[in-house]
Amino acid sequence: MFVKICGITREDDALLAVAMGADAVGFVFAPSRRQIAPAMARDIARRLPPEILTVGVFRDQAPRQVVEIVNSAGLKAAQLHGHESVEDTAWVAERVPWVIKAFGADDPARNRSGSFPVTAVLLDAAEPGSGRTFDWSMAARHPRDRRLILAGGLTPENVADAIATVRPWGVDVSTGVEADRGEPGQKDARKVMTFVERAHAAGAALPDDELPVDGYDQIEVPVGPYDWMDDDPTDGISTDGIPVDGISTYGISTYGMVTGGDQPMEEEVW
């Protein structure tokens, strides 16, 4: 069972998640109380083992901006958590080896998730990051034409039941393992440990005929930060001729937050 701990804002929490057996950690670049600067995410990601999938989470940001932030932060994957089109998703997927497309429980676009050229589909509550669950039976009926990751209100107490009901390929948690007190996004060590243990145990307990079609061990996680420009003959120039380090065009300073882009971004509850 693939386990992702999202909303990482501190190096200690990323190292904790890895030590407890998580397969992936997520950094939120969309407007959020858990938002992290690309440079800070890079400093954390470079300390993690190469087999850990590092994921940047975006919401309705310009595709070029998504790719450039993934590269500048040295991450391996992008999670698109807004209303991105199939075309924009495909553009990102051509340049980032691991792409997750997220859909809210109330998003009608989830019914055509199979048309998105992504590594995995994530089903979340209508308000991502709210800590609220949704009807798991709906997720259980979702087509399995893509690897399915379940999110939305998961906790150490309910993750086993969620896995038994939905039979996902993976689970994603943020609020459910956060400390009751502390900084935004700060994790609770006991909650993280219990969540990961119970998720893995529940996944191992699924009957053979209910296991996800593709197991995690069949997927190659990129080793080291991925930069699609490494194979580009223009050597440092993006597809429209703008240097990769020109991401300041989008209002990103060396240690600053994402402040702009081609599309407006609404405040989220993440």
Protein backbone atom coordinates (compact mmCIF):
# COMPACT_ATOMS: atom_id res chain seq x y z
CA MET A 1 0.00 0.00 0.00
CA PHE A 2 1.48 3.28 -1.19
CA VAL A 3 1.44 5.93 1.57
CA LYS A 4 1.95 9.65 1.01
CA ILE A 5 2.30 12.18 3.83
CA CYS A 6 1.31 15.58 2.46
CA GLY A 7 1.52 19.17 3.63
CA ILE A 8 5.18 18.90 4.66
CA THR A 9 6.53 22.22 5.90
CA ARG A 10 9.48 21.14 8.06
CA GLU A 11 12.52 18.98 7.43
CA ASP A 12 12.00 17.09 10.68
CA ASP A 13 8.53 16.02 9.55
CA ALA A 14 9.78 14.80 6.17
CA LEU A 15 12.50 12.74 7.83
CA LEU A 16 9.95 11.45 10.34
CA ALA A 17 7.57 10.33 7.57
CA VAL A 18 10.38 8.48 5.80
CA ALA A 19 11.59 6.85 9.01
CA MET A 20 8.05 5.62 9.72
CA GLY A 21 7.79 3.96 6.31
CA ALA A 22 6.02 6.48 4.08
CA ASP A 23 6.61 6.10 0.35
CA ALA A 24 6.09 9.74 -0.60
CA VAL A 25 5.94 13.23 0.86
CA GLY A 26 4.06 16.20 -0.54
CA PHE A 27 4.83 19.91 -0.61
CA VAL A 28 1.94 22.35 -1.18
CA PHE A 29 2.70 25.23 -3.53
CA ALA A 30 -0.93 26.30 -3.91
CA PRO A 31 -2.23 29.12 -1.66
CA SER A 32 -2.63 27.49 1.73
CA ARG A 33 -1.67 27.76 5.36
CA ARG A 34 0.66 24.83 4.56
CA GLN A 35 2.22 26.52 1.53
CA ILE A 36 5.97 26.19 1.27
CA ALA A 37 8.53 28.08 -0.82
CA PRO A 38 10.20 26.10 -3.64
CA ALA A 39 13.67 26.76 -2.22
CA MET A 40 12.65 25.45 1.19
CA ALA A 41 11.09 22.35 -0.37
CA ARG A 42 14.31 21.77 -2.27
CA ASP A 43 16.36 21.99 0.93
CA ILE A 44 14.13 19.32 2.49
CA ALA A 45 13.88 17.05 -0.56
CA ARG A 46 17.64 16.84 -1.03
CA ARG A 47 17.94 15.29 2.44
CA LEU A 48 15.59 12.40 1.66
CA PRO A 49 16.53 8.91 0.38
CA PRO A 50 16.42 8.59 -3.42
CA GLU A 51 13.61 6.02 -3.34
CA ILE A 52 11.18 8.50 -1.72
CA LEU A 53 8.74 10.13 -4.13
CA THR A 54 8.74 13.90 -3.59
CA VAL A 55 5.56 15.55 -4.85
CA GLY A 56 4.70 19.17 -5.52
CA VAL A 57 0.99 19.99 -5.08
CA PHE A 58 -0.52 22.64 -7.35
CA ARG A 59 -3.96 24.08 -7.98
CA ASP A 60 -4.90 25.69 -11.31
CA GLN A 61 -1.40 27.00 -11.91
CA ALA A 62 0.00 27.48 -15.41
CA PRO A 63 1.51 24.23 -16.74
CA ARG A 64 4.85 25.89 -17.46
CA GLN A 65 4.94 27.21 -13.91
CA VAL A 66 4.23 23.72 -12.52
CA VAL A 67 7.12 22.18 -14.44
CA GLU A 68 9.55 24.95 -13.56
CA ILE A 69 8.73 24.76 -9.84
CA VAL A 70 9.09 20.95 -9.83
CA ASN A 71 12.50 21.39 -11.42
CA SER A 72 13.63 24.30 -9.26
CA ALA A 73 12.63 22.42 -6.09
CA GLY A 74 14.30 19.21 -7.29
CA LEU A 75 11.12 17.17 -6.96
CA LYS A 76 10.08 14.01 -8.82
CA ALA A 77 6.32 14.41 -9.22
CA ALA A 78 3.50 16.91 -9.66
CA GLN A 79 0.02 16.61 -8.16
CA LEU A 80 -2.58 18.72 -9.97
CA HIS A 81 -5.33 19.46 -7.48
CA GLY A 82 -7.50 21.93 -9.38
CA HIS A 83 -9.56 22.06 -12.55
CA GLU A 84 -6.69 21.44 -14.94
CA SER A 85 -7.70 20.39 -18.45
CA VAL A 86 -6.65 17.17 -20.13
CA GLU A 87 -4.42 19.20 -22.44
CA ASP A 88 -2.66 21.08 -19.65
CA THR A 89 -2.24 17.86 -17.68
CA ALA A 90 -0.74 16.16 -20.74
CA TRP A 91 1.72 19.04 -21.21
CA VAL A 92 2.95 18.58 -17.63
CA ALA A 93 3.02 14.79 -17.95
CA GLU A 94 5.36 15.07 -20.96
CA ARG A 95 7.87 16.90 -18.78
CA VAL A 96 7.43 15.36 -15.32
CA PRO A 97 7.71 11.55 -15.05
CA TRP A 98 5.18 11.16 -12.22
CA VAL A 99 1.87 13.07 -12.36
CA ILE A 100 -1.13 12.66 -10.05
CA LYS A 101 -4.47 14.22 -11.03
CA ALA A 102 -6.75 14.92 -8.08
CA PHE A 103 -10.53 15.18 -8.20
CA GLY A 104 -12.92 16.33 -5.50
CA ALA A 105 -15.79 14.05 -4.57
CA ASP A 106 -18.23 16.55 -6.08
CA ASP A 107 -16.24 17.17 -9.27
CA PRO A 108 -18.08 15.82 -12.33
CA ALA A 109 -14.74 15.62 -14.16
CA ARG A 110 -13.82 12.58 -12.04
CA ASN A 111 -16.11 10.51 -14.26
CA ARG A 112 -13.66 11.00 -17.14
CA SER A 113 -10.48 10.60 -15.12
CA GLY A 114 -9.36 7.90 -17.55
CA SER A 115 -8.82 10.53 -20.23
CA PHE A 116 -6.05 12.19 -18.21
CA PRO A 117 -2.57 10.83 -19.11
CA VAL A 118 -1.33 10.48 -15.53
CA THR A 119 0.38 7.96 -13.29
CA ALA A 120 -2.39 7.96 -10.71
CA VAL A 121 -5.76 9.50 -9.89
CA LEU A 122 -6.47 10.87 -6.42
CA LEU A 123 -9.98 11.17 -4.98
CA ASP A 124 -10.37 13.75 -2.24
CA ALA A 125 -13.10 15.44 -0.23
CA ALA A 126 -14.85 18.43 -1.78
CA GLU A 127 -12.68 20.73 0.36
CA PRO A 128 -9.07 19.46 0.22
CA GLY A 129 -7.18 19.79 3.45
CA SER A 130 -10.35 20.22 5.51
CA GLY A 131 -9.94 16.90 7.32
CA ARG A 132 -13.44 15.84 6.22
CA THR A 133 -14.28 12.46 4.78
CA PHE A 134 -16.67 11.72 1.93
CA ASP A 135 -18.74 8.76 0.76
CA TRP A 136 -16.17 5.99 0.38
CA SER A 137 -18.65 3.80 -1.49
CA MET A 138 -18.45 6.31 -4.34
CA ALA A 139 -14.68 5.92 -4.40
CA ALA A 140 -15.06 2.14 -4.32
CA ARG A 141 -17.10 2.33 -7.53
CA HIS A 142 -14.60 4.57 -9.31
CA PRO A 143 -13.16 3.01 -12.50
CA ARG A 144 -9.74 1.45 -12.04
CA ASP A 145 -8.31 2.59 -15.36
CA ARG A 146 -5.67 4.47 -13.37
CA ARG A 147 -3.98 3.75 -10.05
CA LEU A 148 -6.30 5.11 -7.37
CA ILE A 149 -5.11 7.10 -4.35
CA LEU A 150 -7.63 7.84 -1.61
CA ALA A 151 -7.49 11.08 0.41
CA GLY A 152 -9.90 13.21 2.38
CA GLY A 153 -10.30 13.02 6.13
CA LEU A 154 -8.12 9.96 6.61
CA THR A 155 -6.75 9.38 10.11
CA PRO A 156 -4.95 6.61 11.97
CA GLU A 157 -8.37 5.58 13.31
CA ASN A 158 -10.19 5.21 9.98
CA VAL A 159 -7.53 4.40 7.40
CA ALA A 160 -7.91 0.62 7.75
CA ASP A 161 -11.68 0.80 7.17
CA ALA A 162 -11.14 3.15 4.25
CA ILE A 163 -8.73 0.74 2.57
CA ALA A 164 -11.00 -2.25 3.18
CA THR A 165 -13.94 -0.35 1.63
CA VAL A 166 -12.27 1.36 -1.32
CA ARG A 167 -9.34 -1.02 -2.04
CA PRO A 168 -7.15 1.82 -3.34
CA TRP A 169 -3.64 1.56 -4.68
CA GLY A 170 -2.53 4.17 -2.16
CA VAL A 171 -3.60 6.63 0.53
CA ASP A 172 -2.74 10.28 1.14
CA VAL A 173 -2.96 12.11 4.47
CA SER A 174 -2.18 15.57 5.79
CA THR A 175 -4.55 16.94 8.44
CA GLY A 176 -5.12 13.51 9.98
CA VAL A 177 -1.52 13.20 11.18
CA GLU A 178 -0.92 16.78 12.24
CA ALA A 179 -0.07 17.84 15.78
CA ASP A 180 -2.89 19.29 17.86
CA ARG A 181 -0.62 22.24 18.61
CA GLY A 182 2.21 23.76 16.64
CA GLU A 183 2.94 25.36 13.30
CA PRO A 184 0.69 24.84 10.25
CA GLY A 185 1.43 21.44 8.76
CA GLN A 186 3.45 20.22 11.74
CA LYS A 187 3.13 16.45 12.11
CA ASP A 188 2.60 14.32 15.20
CA ALA A 189 5.13 11.47 15.34
CA ARG A 190 2.77 8.98 16.96
CA LYS A 191 -0.02 9.74 14.48
CA VAL A 192 2.32 9.35 11.51
CA MET A 193 3.69 6.05 12.81
CA THR A 194 0.23 4.63 13.54
CA PHE A 195 -1.19 5.78 10.21
CA VAL A 196 1.60 4.22 8.16
CA GLU A 197 1.53 0.97 10.12
CA ARG A 198 -2.24 0.57 9.83
CA ALA A 199 -2.29 1.52 6.15
CA HIS A 200 0.36 -1.05 5.29
CA ALA A 201 -1.35 -3.72 7.40
CA ALA A 202 -4.73 -3.03 5.81
CA GLY A 203 -3.23 -3.20 2.34
CA ALA A 204 -1.53 -6.50 3.12
CA ALA A 205 -4.84 -7.88 4.41
CA LEU A 206 -6.72 -7.31 1.15
CA PRO A 207 -7.68 -10.59 -0.55
CA ASP A 208 -5.57 -11.39 -3.60
CA ASP A 209 -8.52 -10.84 -5.92
CA GLU A 210 -9.07 -7.35 -4.46
CA LEU A 211 -5.51 -6.11 -4.66
CA PRO A 212 -4.91 -3.11 -6.95
CA VAL A 213 -3.92 -4.24 -10.43
CA ASP A 214 -0.50 -2.60 -10.32
CA GLY A 215 1.49 -2.88 -7.13
CA TYR A 216 3.84 -0.17 -5.95
CA ASP A 217 6.84 -2.40 -6.50
CA GLN A 218 6.05 -2.45 -10.21
CA ILE A 219 6.48 1.30 -10.57
CA GLU A 220 9.85 2.90 -11.02
CA VAL A 221 10.23 5.96 -8.82
CA PRO A 222 12.73 8.38 -10.38
CA VAL A 223 16.04 8.24 -8.51
CA GLY A 224 17.17 11.72 -7.61
CA PRO A 225 15.47 14.97 -8.65
CA TYR A 226 14.21 14.86 -12.20
CA ASP A 227 14.88 17.67 -14.64
CA TRP A 228 13.33 17.23 -18.07
CA MET A 229 15.65 19.93 -19.38
CA ASP A 230 18.62 17.58 -18.96
CA ASP A 231 17.65 15.92 -22.22
CA ASP A 232 16.74 19.13 -24.01
CA PRO A 233 19.22 20.23 -26.70
CA THR A 234 18.41 23.86 -25.95
CA ASP A 235 20.22 23.33 -22.61
CA GLY A 236 18.35 25.47 -20.11
CA ILE A 237 15.78 27.07 -22.38
CA SER A 238 12.09 26.21 -22.01
CA THR A 239 9.88 25.34 -24.97
CA ASP A 240 8.99 28.97 -25.58
CA GLY A 241 12.54 30.27 -25.23
CA ILE A 242 12.36 31.46 -21.62
CA PRO A 243 15.26 30.42 -19.37
CA VAL A 244 14.31 27.99 -16.62
CA ASP A 245 15.65 30.39 -14.02
CA GLY A 246 13.15 32.90 -15.31
CA ILE A 247 10.54 31.58 -12.89
CA SER A 248 10.74 34.95 -11.18
CA THR A 249 8.34 35.95 -13.97
CA TYR A 250 5.73 34.21 -11.86
CA GLY A 251 6.62 36.06 -8.70
CA ILE A 252 8.87 33.41 -7.15
CA SER A 253 11.95 34.78 -5.45
CA THR A 254 14.75 32.58 -4.13
CA TYR A 255 12.94 32.04 -0.85
CA GLY A 256 9.57 33.45 -1.81
CA MET A 257 6.15 31.94 -2.29
CA VAL A 258 4.21 31.51 -5.51
CA THR A 259 2.43 34.80 -6.08
CA GLY A 260 1.21 34.70 -9.64
CA GLY A 261 0.82 32.84 -12.89
CA ASP A 262 -1.30 32.79 -16.00
CA GLN A 263 -4.43 31.82 -14.06
CA PRO A 264 -5.91 33.29 -10.86
CA MET A 265 -5.62 31.08 -7.78
CA GLU A 266 -8.23 31.02 -5.05
CA GLU A 267 -7.39 30.69 -1.37
CA GLU A 268 -7.68 27.07 -0.26
CA VAL A 269 -8.18 25.38 3.07
CA TRP A 270 -5.03 23.23 2.69
